[in-house]
Amino acid sequence: MRGLLWLIGLFALAAGLAVAGRYNEGYALLVWPPYRIQISLNLLILLLVGAFAAAYSLSRLVARTMALPRAVQQFRARKSRERASQAIYDAVRLRIEGRFGQALKQATAAYEANESPGLAALLAAQAAESLRDDERYRYWLGKAAEHDGETRVARLMTEAKLAVEGRRFDEASERIAELQAGGQRHIAALRLALRTAQATANWGEAVRLVRQLVKVKALSAELAEPVKRRAHQEGLRQRAGDAQALTAYWQALPRDEQRDARLVADLASALIAAGDTGAAQQAIETQLAHAWDSRLAGLYGRCEGGDVRARLACAEDWLKRQPRDPQLLLSLGRLCVQSQLWGKAESYLEASLAIAPSWEAHVELAHLAERMDRTDAANRHYRAAAEQARG
């Protein structure tokens, strides 16, 4: 539409000029001694317009000719940048495809073209690491370090990640420490730090990192639980034999982590082995009041000393709610043995065997039979226990 309006305007202007020229009878006299030229005014106007147009066109041609070398230079520079950008793109694509040699070649080309040199050097380092070429890997990391203003965090993250993947955990720890010293505590760095802490058996640090990841919702409680459990199991193992140290460690844990039934079982076993059955009893009773666990019920019968009758009454109260728990019945049998209630002990142990045969129940019945001078029954239960253990 706009072009059509221009065309109509030009036709109107031409028509107007033609009409004006028809009624214009003026003339121009040009004198250049000894010459005299007389021409119509209309022709003079046309000549002047034509001369101006020719001069303008010539000046534009000269200007473009003079600017041609610069335009060629700019064109070449633009093409070079496009090739370098394409090289960066190809390096990323080829690395994802697993073509590490070609990825290294493209990243090198991008670096030499000075296209995002820090990023290009990191891509080259990653490709070299994938090729297990440690010399070139170190070389390109050095080149990336020269552009830390551009890619410092990316370089440290790359080094830490590749060090973890290469099981160079000391190196990974150093790079993570540099990241944290610079105030960089993003989620990827925390996850790398967690993997490093687990690999180096730094369980205290592993627990701290897991809690932090859960807090920022970067790790679900379900995934965090096994890590925390493993860390606390290691903490309990390191304090084995020292009941006071075990109790202090446990009391320092957050309440929600003390609700892990498997951990409570490990704590109770460690306390019983260390001779503090009172603390083990308290830990078991606290957990079973929160949630039932058959393994803990089985450990309860191994608590000795103290008020056996009170423990027996507590276990019998549990039996009202869990009448078919074989581990609870086993514990009741052991508690009755401690209380010298031989008949009740035998009944509970046989009830445990009837629900779920176990070598432990057979051994307890064998010991009970020996106390009651029933040698044949004792031997029978010992054989059954051995067969059960082998099975």
Protein backbone atom coordinates (compact mmCIF):
# COMPACT_ATOMS: atom_id res chain seq x y z
CA MET A 1 0.00 0.00 0.00
CA ARG A 2 2.79 2.41 0.87
CA GLY A 3 4.57 1.73 -2.45
CA LEU A 4 1.35 2.32 -4.33
CA LEU A 5 0.90 5.69 -2.65
CA TRP A 6 4.47 6.66 -3.59
CA LEU A 7 3.85 5.65 -7.19
CA ILE A 8 0.66 7.70 -7.36
CA GLY A 9 2.50 10.65 -5.84
CA LEU A 10 5.30 10.44 -8.42
CA PHE A 11 2.80 10.32 -11.29
CA ALA A 12 1.01 13.33 -9.84
CA LEU A 13 4.32 15.21 -9.51
CA ALA A 14 5.30 14.35 -13.11
CA ALA A 15 1.94 15.51 -14.36
CA GLY A 16 2.23 18.73 -12.40
CA LEU A 17 5.73 19.41 -13.72
CA ALA A 18 4.61 18.68 -17.30
CA VAL A 19 1.74 21.14 -17.01
CA ALA A 20 3.97 23.76 -15.39
CA GLY A 21 6.63 23.27 -18.07
CA ARG A 22 4.10 23.67 -20.86
CA TYR A 23 3.13 27.14 -19.70
CA ASN A 24 6.68 28.16 -18.78
CA GLU A 25 8.10 30.19 -21.69
CA GLY A 26 11.17 31.45 -19.85
CA TYR A 27 14.67 30.90 -21.13
CA ALA A 28 18.24 31.10 -19.85
CA LEU A 29 21.17 32.88 -21.52
CA LEU A 30 24.61 31.47 -20.80
CA VAL A 31 27.55 33.69 -21.78
CA TRP A 32 31.11 32.44 -21.94
CA PRO A 33 32.98 34.88 -24.23
CA PRO A 34 33.05 34.56 -27.11
CA TYR A 35 30.21 31.99 -26.75
CA ARG A 36 26.56 32.65 -26.06
CA ILE A 37 24.04 29.85 -25.42
CA GLN A 38 20.32 30.32 -25.05
CA ILE A 39 18.25 27.40 -23.74
CA SER A 40 14.78 27.03 -22.35
CA LEU A 41 14.38 27.26 -18.61
CA ASN A 42 12.75 23.82 -18.50
CA LEU A 43 15.77 22.19 -20.15
CA LEU A 44 18.12 23.98 -17.76
CA ILE A 45 16.18 22.67 -14.80
CA LEU A 46 16.32 19.11 -16.19
CA LEU A 47 20.06 19.40 -16.82
CA LEU A 48 20.69 20.66 -13.31
CA VAL A 49 18.65 17.83 -11.77
CA GLY A 50 20.44 15.28 -13.94
CA ALA A 51 23.85 16.70 -13.02
CA PHE A 52 23.01 16.58 -9.34
CA ALA A 53 21.82 12.98 -9.63
CA ALA A 54 24.97 11.98 -11.52
CA ALA A 55 27.23 13.70 -8.98
CA TYR A 56 25.39 12.08 -6.10
CA SER A 57 25.60 8.61 -7.68
CA LEU A 58 29.31 9.07 -8.40
CA SER A 59 30.02 10.15 -4.83
CA ARG A 60 28.14 7.11 -3.46
CA LEU A 61 30.10 4.82 -5.79
CA VAL A 62 33.41 6.31 -4.68
CA ALA A 63 32.42 6.04 -1.01
CA ARG A 64 31.43 2.40 -1.37
CA THR A 65 34.60 1.63 -3.25
CA MET A 66 36.68 3.23 -0.50
CA ALA A 67 34.75 1.29 2.19
CA LEU A 68 35.05 -2.04 0.39
CA PRO A 69 38.24 -3.27 2.18
CA ARG A 70 36.69 -2.52 5.56
CA ALA A 71 33.46 -4.26 4.58
CA VAL A 72 35.40 -7.31 3.44
CA GLN A 73 37.30 -7.31 6.74
CA GLN A 74 34.07 -7.07 8.73
CA PHE A 75 32.53 -9.84 6.64
CA ARG A 76 35.49 -12.10 7.29
CA ALA A 77 35.44 -11.30 11.01
CA ARG A 78 31.71 -12.06 11.16
CA LYS A 79 32.22 -15.36 9.38
CA SER A 80 35.08 -16.19 11.74
CA ARG A 81 32.87 -15.50 14.77
CA GLU A 82 30.13 -17.64 13.29
CA ARG A 83 32.58 -20.50 12.74
CA ALA A 84 33.90 -20.13 16.29
CA SER A 85 30.38 -20.11 17.74
CA GLN A 86 29.57 -23.18 15.68
CA ALA A 87 32.74 -24.82 17.00
CA ILE A 88 31.58 -24.23 20.61
CA TYR A 89 28.18 -25.69 19.76
CA ASP A 90 29.74 -28.68 18.00
CA ALA A 91 32.10 -29.30 20.92
CA VAL A 92 29.15 -29.52 23.33
CA ARG A 93 27.13 -31.71 20.95
CA LEU A 94 30.01 -34.07 20.18
CA ARG A 95 30.85 -34.50 23.86
CA ILE A 96 27.24 -35.43 24.61
CA GLU A 97 27.36 -37.89 21.71
CA GLY A 98 30.48 -39.45 23.19
CA ARG A 99 32.77 -38.42 20.32
CA PHE A 100 35.40 -37.00 22.62
CA GLY A 101 38.22 -36.73 20.09
CA GLN A 102 36.13 -34.58 17.75
CA ALA A 103 34.81 -32.59 20.72
CA LEU A 104 38.38 -31.81 21.76
CA LYS A 105 39.21 -30.71 18.21
CA GLN A 106 36.22 -28.35 18.00
CA ALA A 107 36.86 -26.90 21.47
CA THR A 108 40.49 -26.26 20.49
CA ALA A 109 39.34 -24.46 17.32
CA ALA A 110 36.97 -22.28 19.36
CA TYR A 111 39.74 -21.42 21.82
CA GLU A 112 42.16 -20.49 19.05
CA ALA A 113 39.46 -18.25 17.53
CA ASN A 114 39.15 -16.52 20.93
CA GLU A 115 35.47 -17.40 21.11
CA SER A 116 34.57 -17.65 24.83
CA PRO A 117 38.08 -18.94 25.55
CA GLY A 118 37.35 -19.89 29.15
CA LEU A 119 34.37 -22.01 28.17
CA ALA A 120 36.21 -23.52 25.21
CA ALA A 121 39.13 -24.49 27.46
CA LEU A 122 36.75 -26.18 29.92
CA LEU A 123 35.09 -28.12 27.13
CA ALA A 124 38.50 -29.21 25.89
CA ALA A 125 39.49 -30.28 29.42
CA GLN A 126 36.31 -32.34 29.79
CA ALA A 127 36.90 -34.04 26.45
CA ALA A 128 40.53 -34.77 27.34
CA GLU A 129 39.45 -36.26 30.68
CA SER A 130 36.95 -38.48 28.90
CA LEU A 131 39.80 -39.64 26.65
CA ARG A 132 41.87 -40.37 29.79
CA ASP A 133 44.50 -37.97 28.47
CA ASP A 134 45.75 -36.51 31.74
CA GLU A 135 48.44 -34.35 30.13
CA ARG A 136 46.03 -32.50 27.87
CA TYR A 137 43.45 -32.41 30.66
CA ARG A 138 45.90 -30.53 32.91
CA TYR A 139 46.97 -28.31 30.01
CA TRP A 140 43.44 -27.17 29.27
CA LEU A 141 42.62 -26.64 32.92
CA GLY A 142 45.60 -24.31 33.04
CA LYS A 143 44.25 -22.44 30.01
CA ALA A 144 40.83 -22.19 31.67
CA ALA A 145 42.45 -20.78 34.82
CA GLU A 146 43.85 -17.93 32.72
CA HIS A 147 40.25 -16.81 32.16
CA ASP A 148 39.00 -17.13 35.74
CA GLY A 149 37.25 -13.80 35.48
CA GLU A 150 34.94 -15.48 33.00
CA THR A 151 34.63 -19.04 34.25
CA ARG A 152 36.17 -19.46 37.74
CA VAL A 153 33.15 -21.14 39.32
CA ALA A 154 32.58 -23.30 36.24
CA ARG A 155 36.25 -24.33 36.26
CA LEU A 156 36.23 -25.30 39.94
CA MET A 157 32.97 -27.21 39.52
CA THR A 158 34.36 -29.01 36.48
CA GLU A 159 37.56 -29.93 38.30
CA ALA A 160 35.65 -31.13 41.36
CA LYS A 161 33.18 -33.18 39.32
CA LEU A 162 35.84 -34.81 37.16
CA ALA A 163 37.99 -35.48 40.23
CA VAL A 164 35.09 -37.26 41.94
CA GLU A 165 34.37 -39.29 38.79
CA GLY A 166 38.06 -40.17 38.62
CA ARG A 167 38.07 -41.09 42.35
CA ARG A 168 40.65 -38.40 43.10
CA PHE A 169 38.84 -37.39 46.26
CA ASP A 170 41.64 -35.33 47.80
CA GLU A 171 41.72 -33.14 44.71
CA ALA A 172 37.92 -32.92 44.74
CA SER A 173 37.98 -31.80 48.39
CA GLU A 174 40.45 -29.04 47.58
CA ARG A 175 38.34 -27.68 44.72
CA ILE A 176 35.16 -27.82 46.78
CA ALA A 177 36.94 -25.96 49.58
CA GLU A 178 37.93 -23.25 47.07
CA LEU A 179 34.31 -22.99 45.95
CA GLN A 180 33.05 -22.67 49.50
CA ALA A 181 35.74 -20.13 50.35
CA GLY A 182 34.38 -17.99 47.53
CA GLY A 183 30.89 -18.18 48.99
CA GLN A 184 29.71 -20.69 46.38
CA ARG A 185 27.30 -23.08 48.11
CA HIS A 186 24.98 -24.03 45.29
CA ILE A 187 23.29 -27.39 45.19
CA ALA A 188 25.61 -29.08 42.69
CA ALA A 189 28.63 -28.21 44.85
CA LEU A 190 26.89 -29.59 47.96
CA ARG A 191 26.13 -32.85 46.15
CA LEU A 192 29.73 -33.20 45.04
CA ALA A 193 30.87 -32.48 48.59
CA LEU A 194 28.51 -35.20 49.86
CA ARG A 195 29.88 -37.76 47.41
CA THR A 196 33.41 -36.85 48.45
CA ALA A 197 32.58 -37.10 52.16
CA GLN A 198 31.01 -40.53 51.66
CA ALA A 199 33.95 -41.79 49.62
CA THR A 200 36.49 -40.60 52.21
CA ALA A 201 34.39 -41.94 55.13
CA ASN A 202 34.02 -38.45 56.56
CA TRP A 203 30.64 -39.34 58.03
CA GLY A 204 30.27 -36.31 60.25
CA GLU A 205 30.60 -34.04 57.23
CA ALA A 206 28.30 -36.32 55.23
CA VAL A 207 25.52 -35.94 57.82
CA ARG A 208 25.95 -32.16 57.88
CA LEU A 209 25.72 -31.97 54.08
CA VAL A 210 22.69 -34.26 53.92
CA ARG A 211 20.87 -32.11 56.46
CA GLN A 212 21.71 -29.01 54.45
CA LEU A 213 20.50 -30.58 51.19
CA VAL A 214 17.25 -31.66 52.83
CA LYS A 215 16.80 -28.17 54.25
CA VAL A 216 16.99 -26.57 50.80
CA LYS A 217 14.79 -29.36 49.38
CA ALA A 218 17.55 -30.61 47.10
CA LEU A 219 17.35 -34.13 48.56
CA SER A 220 14.24 -36.03 49.60
CA ALA A 221 13.92 -37.44 53.10
CA GLU A 222 13.70 -40.96 51.62
CA LEU A 223 17.08 -40.59 49.87
CA ALA A 224 18.66 -38.82 52.83
CA GLU A 225 17.68 -41.50 55.35
CA PRO A 226 20.09 -44.26 54.16
CA VAL A 227 23.01 -41.82 54.09
CA LYS A 228 22.31 -40.55 57.60
CA ARG A 229 21.78 -44.10 58.84
CA ARG A 230 25.10 -45.26 57.38
CA ALA A 231 26.87 -42.26 58.90
CA HIS A 232 25.37 -42.85 62.34
CA GLN A 233 26.08 -46.58 62.16
CA GLU A 234 29.71 -45.71 61.52
CA GLY A 235 29.62 -43.24 64.42
CA LEU A 236 28.28 -45.95 66.74
CA ARG A 237 30.84 -48.45 65.48
CA GLN A 238 33.68 -46.03 66.21
CA ARG A 239 32.43 -45.73 69.82
CA ALA A 240 31.84 -49.45 70.36
CA GLY A 241 32.68 -50.61 73.88
CA ASP A 242 32.29 -47.15 75.43
CA ALA A 243 28.76 -46.89 76.78
CA GLN A 244 29.19 -43.29 77.87
CA ALA A 245 30.45 -42.20 74.43
CA LEU A 246 27.61 -44.11 72.75
CA THR A 247 25.01 -42.39 74.92
CA ALA A 248 26.55 -38.94 74.37
CA TYR A 249 26.64 -39.47 70.61
CA TRP A 250 23.02 -40.58 70.56
CA GLN A 251 21.76 -37.69 72.67
CA ALA A 252 23.44 -35.22 70.29
CA LEU A 253 21.33 -36.44 67.36
CA PRO A 254 18.18 -34.56 66.30
CA ARG A 255 14.94 -36.12 67.54
CA ASP A 256 13.78 -37.17 64.07
CA GLU A 257 17.02 -39.09 63.44
CA GLN A 258 16.60 -40.91 66.76
CA ARG A 259 13.34 -42.35 65.39
CA ASP A 260 15.15 -44.66 62.96
CA ALA A 261 14.33 -48.15 64.28
CA ARG A 262 17.38 -49.72 62.64
CA LEU A 263 19.65 -47.17 64.29
CA VAL A 264 17.98 -47.75 67.66
CA ALA A 265 18.62 -51.47 67.20
CA ASP A 266 22.29 -50.81 66.45
CA LEU A 267 22.54 -48.51 69.48
CA ALA A 268 20.86 -51.06 71.75
CA SER A 269 23.15 -53.86 70.52
CA ALA A 270 26.22 -51.66 71.08
CA LEU A 271 25.07 -50.65 74.58
CA ILE A 272 24.35 -54.27 75.52
CA ALA A 273 27.81 -55.27 74.28
CA ALA A 274 29.30 -52.38 76.29
CA GLY A 275 27.49 -53.57 79.44
CA ASP A 276 24.96 -50.74 79.78
CA THR A 277 21.75 -52.73 79.44
CA GLY A 278 19.80 -50.06 81.32
CA ALA A 279 20.46 -47.49 78.59
CA ALA A 280 19.68 -50.11 75.94
CA GLN A 281 16.38 -50.90 77.67
CA GLN A 282 15.43 -47.22 77.80
CA ALA A 283 16.27 -46.71 74.10
CA ILE A 284 14.19 -49.73 73.08
CA GLU A 285 11.19 -48.76 75.20
CA THR A 286 11.26 -45.18 73.88
CA GLN A 287 11.30 -46.33 70.25
CA LEU A 288 8.63 -49.01 70.68
CA ALA A 289 6.37 -46.43 72.31
CA HIS A 290 6.71 -44.44 69.08
CA ALA A 291 6.45 -47.30 66.54
CA TRP A 292 6.54 -51.06 66.77
CA ASP A 293 9.61 -52.92 65.51
CA SER A 294 10.03 -56.68 65.83
CA ARG A 295 13.82 -56.57 65.86
CA LEU A 296 13.84 -54.20 68.83
CA ALA A 297 11.38 -56.44 70.63
CA GLY A 298 13.83 -59.30 70.12
CA LEU A 299 16.71 -57.26 71.56
CA TYR A 300 14.67 -56.40 74.64
CA GLY A 301 15.13 -59.90 76.03
CA ARG A 302 18.91 -59.53 75.89
CA CYS A 303 18.82 -56.74 78.47
CA GLU A 304 19.95 -58.20 81.78
CA GLY A 305 20.22 -56.95 85.34
CA GLY A 306 18.09 -54.28 86.92
CA ASP A 307 14.38 -54.84 87.48
CA VAL A 308 13.66 -57.97 85.45
CA ARG A 309 10.08 -58.17 86.69
CA ALA A 310 9.36 -54.66 85.38
CA ARG A 311 10.78 -55.58 81.98
CA LEU A 312 8.70 -58.75 81.94
CA ALA A 313 5.53 -56.80 82.78
CA CYS A 314 6.31 -54.28 80.01
CA ALA A 315 6.88 -57.05 77.46
CA GLU A 316 3.65 -58.83 78.46
CA ASP A 317 1.81 -55.54 77.96
CA TRP A 318 3.26 -55.35 74.43
CA LEU A 319 2.11 -58.93 73.84
CA LYS A 320 -1.50 -57.82 74.21
CA ARG A 321 -1.04 -55.63 71.13
CA GLN A 322 1.37 -57.91 69.24
CA PRO A 323 0.28 -61.47 70.16
CA ARG A 324 1.97 -63.16 67.19
CA ASP A 325 5.34 -61.43 67.11
CA PRO A 326 7.96 -64.22 67.26
CA GLN A 327 10.75 -61.89 68.40
CA LEU A 328 8.63 -60.55 71.26
CA LEU A 329 7.77 -64.11 72.32
CA LEU A 330 11.49 -64.96 72.21
CA SER A 331 12.26 -61.99 74.47
CA LEU A 332 9.50 -63.00 76.87
CA GLY A 333 11.04 -66.47 77.05
CA ARG A 334 14.45 -64.99 77.88
CA LEU A 335 12.98 -62.65 80.49
CA CYS A 336 11.17 -65.57 82.11
CA VAL A 337 14.47 -67.48 82.20
CA GLN A 338 16.08 -64.47 83.95
CA SER A 339 13.15 -64.54 86.41
CA GLN A 340 13.52 -68.35 86.77
CA LEU A 341 9.98 -68.90 85.52
CA TRP A 342 10.88 -72.09 83.67
CA GLY A 343 7.38 -73.15 82.65
CA LYS A 344 6.39 -69.77 81.25
CA ALA A 345 9.76 -69.48 79.54
CA GLU A 346 9.23 -72.80 77.75
CA SER A 347 5.71 -71.81 76.68
CA TYR A 348 6.84 -68.49 75.22
CA LEU A 349 9.82 -70.03 73.41
CA GLU A 350 7.72 -72.82 71.90
CA ALA A 351 5.12 -70.25 70.80
CA SER A 352 7.89 -68.28 69.09
CA LEU A 353 9.05 -71.44 67.28
CA ALA A 354 5.52 -72.26 66.19
CA ILE A 355 5.16 -68.87 64.48
CA ALA A 356 8.66 -68.50 63.00
CA PRO A 357 11.33 -71.18 63.61
CA SER A 358 14.69 -69.67 64.57
CA TRP A 359 18.00 -71.02 65.80
CA GLU A 360 17.93 -68.57 68.71
CA ALA A 361 14.70 -70.03 70.11
CA HIS A 362 16.08 -73.56 69.75
CA VAL A 363 19.26 -72.58 71.63
CA GLU A 364 17.23 -70.98 74.45
CA LEU A 365 15.08 -74.12 74.71
CA ALA A 366 18.22 -76.27 74.74
CA HIS A 367 19.66 -74.23 77.62
CA LEU A 368 16.35 -74.45 79.44
CA ALA A 369 16.21 -78.23 78.96
CA GLU A 370 19.74 -78.52 80.39
CA ARG A 371 18.65 -76.56 83.47
CA MET A 372 15.78 -79.02 83.88
CA ASP A 373 18.09 -82.06 83.29
CA ARG A 374 16.30 -83.02 80.08
CA THR A 375 19.37 -84.04 78.10
CA ASP A 376 17.56 -85.60 75.15
CA ALA A 377 15.42 -82.51 74.62
CA ALA A 378 18.50 -80.29 74.91
CA ASN A 379 20.37 -82.31 72.27
CA ARG A 380 17.34 -82.26 69.99
CA HIS A 381 17.11 -78.48 70.18
CA TYR A 382 20.87 -78.06 69.63
CA ARG A 383 20.64 -80.12 66.45
CA ALA A 384 17.62 -78.15 65.30
CA ALA A 385 19.48 -74.90 65.98
CA ALA A 386 22.46 -76.06 63.90
CA GLU A 387 20.20 -77.08 61.02
CA GLN A 388 18.32 -73.79 61.24
CA ALA A 389 21.59 -71.81 61.20
CA ARG A 390 22.83 -73.72 58.14
CA GLY A 391 19.53 -73.24 56.35
